[in-house]
C-alpha cells in the first residue's frame, strides 16, 4: 500500500472513528476523547487551507480553535488566579518595605 496525502487522511479518519467507537462502548480513553474532536477540526481546517479551500478551511480551523480554548478554560482560570495571588503578594511586599 502506497501512502500519500489522502492515505494519511484516511488513516487519521479511521483512527478517530475507532477511538470514538471505543469510547461509546466503554473502552475509550476518557478525557482524551473530548480533546480529539477539536484537535481533528484544527487539523482538517489546516489541511483545507493548505489545499486551496481557504474559506471553509479557516471556518473549520476557527471552530476547532474556539472548542479547544473552551476545553482549556479551566487551565486559563487557574493561571489567572495564580497571577492575581502573585500580584497581590508583590503589592503587599512593596508596602511593607516602604513602611520600614
N, C-alpha and C. Protein backbone atom coordinates (compact mmCIF):
# COMPACT_ATOMS: atom_id res chain seq x y z
N UNK A 1 0.85 -1.17 0.00
CA UNK A 1 0.00 0.00 0.00
C UNK A 1 0.89 1.23 0.00
N UNK A 2 0.69 2.08 -0.97
CA UNK A 2 1.47 3.30 -1.08
C UNK A 2 0.79 4.42 -0.30
N UNK A 3 1.54 5.09 0.57
CA UNK A 3 0.97 6.17 1.38
C UNK A 3 1.20 7.51 0.68
N UNK A 4 0.14 8.30 0.61
CA UNK A 4 0.24 9.68 0.14
C UNK A 4 -0.64 10.53 1.04
N UNK A 5 -0.92 11.75 0.64
CA UNK A 5 -1.71 12.65 1.47
C UNK A 5 -3.10 12.12 1.78
N UNK A 6 -3.76 11.54 0.80
CA UNK A 6 -5.11 11.02 1.01
C UNK A 6 -5.09 9.76 1.88
N UNK A 7 -4.05 8.96 1.75
CA UNK A 7 -3.93 7.78 2.60
C UNK A 7 -3.75 8.18 4.05
N UNK A 8 -2.95 9.21 4.29
CA UNK A 8 -2.75 9.71 5.65
C UNK A 8 -4.04 10.21 6.25
N UNK A 9 -4.83 10.93 5.47
CA UNK A 9 -6.12 11.43 5.95
C UNK A 9 -7.06 10.26 6.23
N UNK A 10 -7.04 9.25 5.36
CA UNK A 10 -7.90 8.07 5.57
C UNK A 10 -7.52 7.35 6.86
N UNK A 11 -6.22 7.20 7.11
CA UNK A 11 -5.76 6.54 8.33
C UNK A 11 -6.15 7.36 9.56
N UNK A 12 -6.04 8.68 9.46
CA UNK A 12 -6.44 9.56 10.56
C UNK A 12 -7.93 9.42 10.85
N UNK A 13 -8.75 9.39 9.82
CA UNK A 13 -10.19 9.26 9.99
C UNK A 13 -10.56 7.89 10.57
N UNK A 14 -9.88 6.84 10.12
CA UNK A 14 -10.13 5.51 10.67
C UNK A 14 -9.76 5.47 12.15
N UNK A 15 -8.62 6.07 12.50
CA UNK A 15 -8.20 6.11 13.90
C UNK A 15 -9.17 6.89 14.77
N UNK A 16 -9.62 8.04 14.27
CA UNK A 16 -10.59 8.84 15.03
C UNK A 16 -11.90 8.08 15.21
N UNK A 17 -12.36 7.44 14.17
CA UNK A 17 -13.59 6.66 14.26
C UNK A 17 -13.46 5.51 15.24
N UNK A 18 -12.31 4.85 15.23
CA UNK A 18 -12.09 3.73 16.15
C UNK A 18 -12.07 4.23 17.60
N UNK A 19 -11.43 5.36 17.85
CA UNK A 19 -11.40 5.90 19.21
C UNK A 19 -12.79 6.31 19.68
N UNK A 20 -13.58 6.90 18.80
CA UNK A 20 -14.94 7.29 19.16
C UNK A 20 -15.78 6.05 19.45
N UNK A 21 -15.64 5.02 18.61
CA UNK A 21 -16.39 3.79 18.82
C UNK A 21 -15.99 3.12 20.13
N UNK A 22 -14.71 3.08 20.43
CA UNK A 22 -14.26 2.51 21.70
C UNK A 22 -14.81 3.29 22.89
N UNK A 23 -14.87 4.61 22.74
CA UNK A 23 -15.43 5.44 23.81
C UNK A 23 -16.90 5.17 24.05
N UNK A 24 -17.63 4.91 22.98
CA UNK A 24 -19.07 4.66 23.10
C UNK A 24 -19.38 3.31 23.75
N UNK A 25 -18.49 2.33 23.58
CA UNK A 25 -18.74 1.02 24.19
C UNK A 25 -18.06 0.87 25.54
N UNK A 26 -17.43 1.94 26.02
CA UNK A 26 -16.89 1.92 27.37
C UNK A 26 -15.41 1.59 27.48
N UNK A 27 -14.73 1.44 26.38
CA UNK A 27 -13.30 1.11 26.42
C UNK A 27 -12.43 2.28 25.99
N UNK A 28 -12.99 3.47 25.99
CA UNK A 28 -12.30 4.63 25.46
C UNK A 28 -11.23 5.19 26.36
N UNK A 29 -10.68 6.29 25.93
CA UNK A 29 -9.61 6.93 26.65
C UNK A 29 -10.09 8.06 27.54
N UNK A 30 -11.39 8.13 27.79
CA UNK A 30 -11.94 9.08 28.74
C UNK A 30 -11.77 10.53 28.33
N UNK A 31 -11.03 11.27 29.15
CA UNK A 31 -10.88 12.71 28.93
C UNK A 31 -10.21 13.03 27.61
N UNK A 32 -9.37 12.14 27.11
CA UNK A 32 -8.67 12.38 25.85
C UNK A 32 -9.64 12.49 24.67
N UNK A 33 -10.75 11.76 24.76
CA UNK A 33 -11.74 11.79 23.68
C UNK A 33 -12.35 13.17 23.51
N UNK A 34 -12.49 13.92 24.59
CA UNK A 34 -13.10 15.25 24.48
C UNK A 34 -12.16 16.24 23.80
N UNK A 35 -10.87 15.95 23.77
CA UNK A 35 -9.90 16.81 23.10
C UNK A 35 -9.67 16.39 21.65
N UNK A 36 -10.07 15.18 21.32
CA UNK A 36 -9.81 14.64 19.99
C UNK A 36 -10.55 15.41 18.90
N UNK A 37 -11.83 15.69 19.11
CA UNK A 37 -12.63 16.36 18.07
C UNK A 37 -12.13 17.78 17.76
N UNK A 38 -11.87 18.63 18.77
CA UNK A 38 -11.34 19.96 18.44
C UNK A 38 -9.97 19.91 17.74
N UNK A 39 -9.12 18.98 18.16
CA UNK A 39 -7.81 18.85 17.51
C UNK A 39 -7.98 18.36 16.07
N UNK A 40 -8.93 17.44 15.86
CA UNK A 40 -9.21 16.97 14.50
C UNK A 40 -9.74 18.12 13.63
N UNK A 41 -10.58 18.98 14.20
CA UNK A 41 -11.07 20.14 13.45
C UNK A 41 -9.93 21.07 13.08
N UNK A 42 -9.01 21.29 14.00
CA UNK A 42 -7.85 22.12 13.69
C UNK A 42 -7.05 21.51 12.54
N UNK A 43 -6.82 20.22 12.62
CA UNK A 43 -6.06 19.54 11.56
C UNK A 43 -6.77 19.60 10.22
N UNK A 44 -8.06 19.34 10.21
CA UNK A 44 -8.81 19.39 8.95
C UNK A 44 -8.89 20.81 8.39
N UNK A 45 -9.01 21.79 9.27
CA UNK A 45 -9.01 23.18 8.82
C UNK A 45 -7.68 23.56 8.20
N UNK A 46 -6.59 23.16 8.83
CA UNK A 46 -5.26 23.43 8.29
C UNK A 46 -5.08 22.72 6.95
N UNK A 47 -5.55 21.48 6.87
CA UNK A 47 -5.47 20.72 5.63
C UNK A 47 -6.26 21.42 4.52
N UNK A 48 -7.43 21.95 4.85
CA UNK A 48 -8.24 22.68 3.87
C UNK A 48 -7.59 23.96 3.42
N UNK A 49 -6.95 24.68 4.34
CA UNK A 49 -6.26 25.93 3.99
C UNK A 49 -5.10 25.63 3.05
N UNK A 50 -4.34 24.59 3.35
CA UNK A 50 -3.17 24.24 2.54
C UNK A 50 -3.55 23.76 1.14
N UNK A 51 -4.76 23.19 0.98
CA UNK A 51 -5.16 22.63 -0.30
C UNK A 51 -6.08 23.54 -1.10
N UNK A 52 -6.16 24.80 -0.75
CA UNK A 52 -6.85 25.77 -1.59
C UNK A 52 -8.26 26.15 -1.17
N UNK A 53 -8.89 25.43 -0.28
CA UNK A 53 -10.23 25.79 0.17
C UNK A 53 -10.09 26.71 1.39
N UNK A 54 -9.68 27.93 1.12
CA UNK A 54 -9.31 28.83 2.21
C UNK A 54 -10.49 29.20 3.11
N UNK A 55 -11.66 29.51 2.54
CA UNK A 55 -12.79 29.95 3.36
C UNK A 55 -13.24 28.84 4.31
N UNK A 56 -13.54 27.66 3.76
CA UNK A 56 -14.02 26.58 4.60
C UNK A 56 -12.93 26.07 5.54
N UNK A 57 -11.69 26.11 5.07
CA UNK A 57 -10.58 25.72 5.93
C UNK A 57 -10.46 26.62 7.14
N UNK A 58 -10.57 27.93 6.93
CA UNK A 58 -10.49 28.87 8.05
C UNK A 58 -11.68 28.74 8.99
N UNK A 59 -12.87 28.51 8.42
CA UNK A 59 -14.06 28.35 9.26
C UNK A 59 -13.89 27.13 10.17
N UNK A 60 -13.48 26.00 9.60
CA UNK A 60 -13.30 24.78 10.40
C UNK A 60 -12.18 24.98 11.41
N UNK A 61 -11.10 25.65 11.01
CA UNK A 61 -9.97 25.89 11.91
C UNK A 61 -10.39 26.75 13.09
N UNK A 62 -11.15 27.81 12.85
CA UNK A 62 -11.58 28.72 13.92
C UNK A 62 -12.56 28.01 14.87
N UNK A 63 -13.46 27.21 14.32
CA UNK A 63 -14.39 26.46 15.17
C UNK A 63 -13.61 25.49 16.07
N UNK A 64 -12.63 24.81 15.52
CA UNK A 64 -11.80 23.91 16.31
C UNK A 64 -11.00 24.65 17.37
N UNK A 65 -10.49 25.83 17.02
CA UNK A 65 -9.71 26.63 17.96
C UNK A 65 -10.59 27.11 19.13
N UNK A 66 -11.80 27.56 18.83
CA UNK A 66 -12.71 28.01 19.88
C UNK A 66 -13.09 26.84 20.79
N UNK A 67 -13.34 25.67 20.20
CA UNK A 67 -13.68 24.50 21.01
C UNK A 67 -12.51 24.09 21.90
N UNK A 68 -11.30 24.15 21.37
CA UNK A 68 -10.13 23.77 22.15
C UNK A 68 -9.85 24.78 23.25
N UNK A 69 -10.07 26.06 22.98
CA UNK A 69 -9.92 27.07 24.03
C UNK A 69 -10.95 26.86 25.14
N UNK A 70 -12.14 26.42 24.77
CA UNK A 70 -13.16 26.11 25.76
C UNK A 70 -12.74 24.95 26.66
N UNK A 71 -12.04 23.98 26.09
CA UNK A 71 -11.55 22.84 26.88
C UNK A 71 -10.46 23.28 27.86
N UNK A 72 -9.67 24.26 27.46
CA UNK A 72 -8.57 24.73 28.30
C UNK A 72 -8.97 25.89 29.21
N UNK A 73 -10.27 26.22 29.28
CA UNK A 73 -10.69 27.38 30.07
C UNK A 73 -10.38 27.20 31.55
N UNK A 74 -10.47 25.99 32.06
CA UNK A 74 -10.14 25.74 33.47
C UNK A 74 -8.67 26.04 33.73
N UNK A 75 -7.82 25.59 32.82
CA UNK A 75 -6.39 25.86 32.95
C UNK A 75 -6.10 27.36 32.92
N UNK A 76 -6.78 28.08 32.01
CA UNK A 76 -6.59 29.53 31.94
C UNK A 76 -7.05 30.21 33.22
N UNK A 77 -8.15 29.73 33.80
CA UNK A 77 -8.65 30.31 35.05
C UNK A 77 -7.67 30.08 36.19
N UNK A 78 -7.06 28.91 36.26
CA UNK A 78 -6.07 28.62 37.30
C UNK A 78 -4.85 29.51 37.15
N UNK A 79 -4.37 29.66 35.92
CA UNK A 79 -3.21 30.52 35.67
C UNK A 79 -3.53 31.97 36.04
N UNK A 80 -4.73 32.43 35.71
CA UNK A 80 -5.15 33.79 36.04
C UNK A 80 -5.21 33.98 37.55
N UNK A 81 -5.77 32.99 38.28
CA UNK A 81 -5.87 33.09 39.74
C UNK A 81 -4.49 33.13 40.39
N UNK A 82 -3.58 32.29 39.92
CA UNK A 82 -2.21 32.30 40.46
C UNK A 82 -1.54 33.64 40.17
N UNK A 83 -1.78 34.20 39.01
CA UNK A 83 -1.22 35.51 38.68
C UNK A 83 -1.75 36.60 39.60
N UNK A 84 -3.05 36.57 39.89
CA UNK A 84 -3.63 37.55 40.81
C UNK A 84 -3.04 37.42 42.21
N UNK A 85 -2.87 36.19 42.68
CA UNK A 85 -2.28 35.98 44.00
C UNK A 85 -0.85 36.50 44.04
N UNK A 86 -0.07 36.20 43.01
CA UNK A 86 1.31 36.67 42.94
C UNK A 86 1.37 38.20 42.92
N UNK A 87 0.49 38.81 42.12
CA UNK A 87 0.46 40.27 42.03
C UNK A 87 0.08 40.89 43.37
N UNK A 88 -0.87 40.27 44.08
CA UNK A 88 -1.27 40.76 45.40
C UNK A 88 -0.13 40.68 46.40
N UNK A 89 0.59 39.56 46.41
CA UNK A 89 1.75 39.44 47.31
C UNK A 89 2.84 40.45 46.96
N UNK A 90 3.03 40.72 45.69
CA UNK A 90 4.04 41.70 45.27
C UNK A 90 3.67 43.09 45.79
N UNK A 91 2.40 43.46 45.72
CA UNK A 91 1.96 44.77 46.22
C UNK A 91 2.14 44.85 47.73
N UNK A 92 1.78 43.77 48.45
CA UNK A 92 1.95 43.76 49.90
C UNK A 92 3.42 43.87 50.29
N UNK A 93 4.28 43.22 49.56
CA UNK A 93 5.71 43.25 49.85
C UNK A 93 6.26 44.67 49.67
N UNK A 94 5.82 45.36 48.62
CA UNK A 94 6.27 46.74 48.38
C UNK A 94 5.79 47.66 49.49
N UNK A 95 4.55 47.49 49.97
CA UNK A 95 4.00 48.35 51.03
C UNK A 95 4.76 48.12 52.34
N UNK A 96 5.10 46.87 52.64
CA UNK A 96 5.80 46.57 53.88
C UNK A 96 7.22 47.14 53.84
N UNK A 97 7.86 47.12 52.70
CA UNK A 97 9.23 47.63 52.62
C UNK A 97 9.25 49.17 52.71
N UNK A 98 8.19 49.84 52.27
CA UNK A 98 8.14 51.31 52.37
C UNK A 98 7.75 51.75 53.77
N UNK A 99 7.09 50.88 54.56
CA UNK A 99 6.70 51.23 55.93
C UNK A 99 7.90 51.22 56.86
N UNK A 100 8.89 50.43 56.58
CA UNK A 100 10.04 50.30 57.47
C UNK A 100 10.95 51.43 57.25
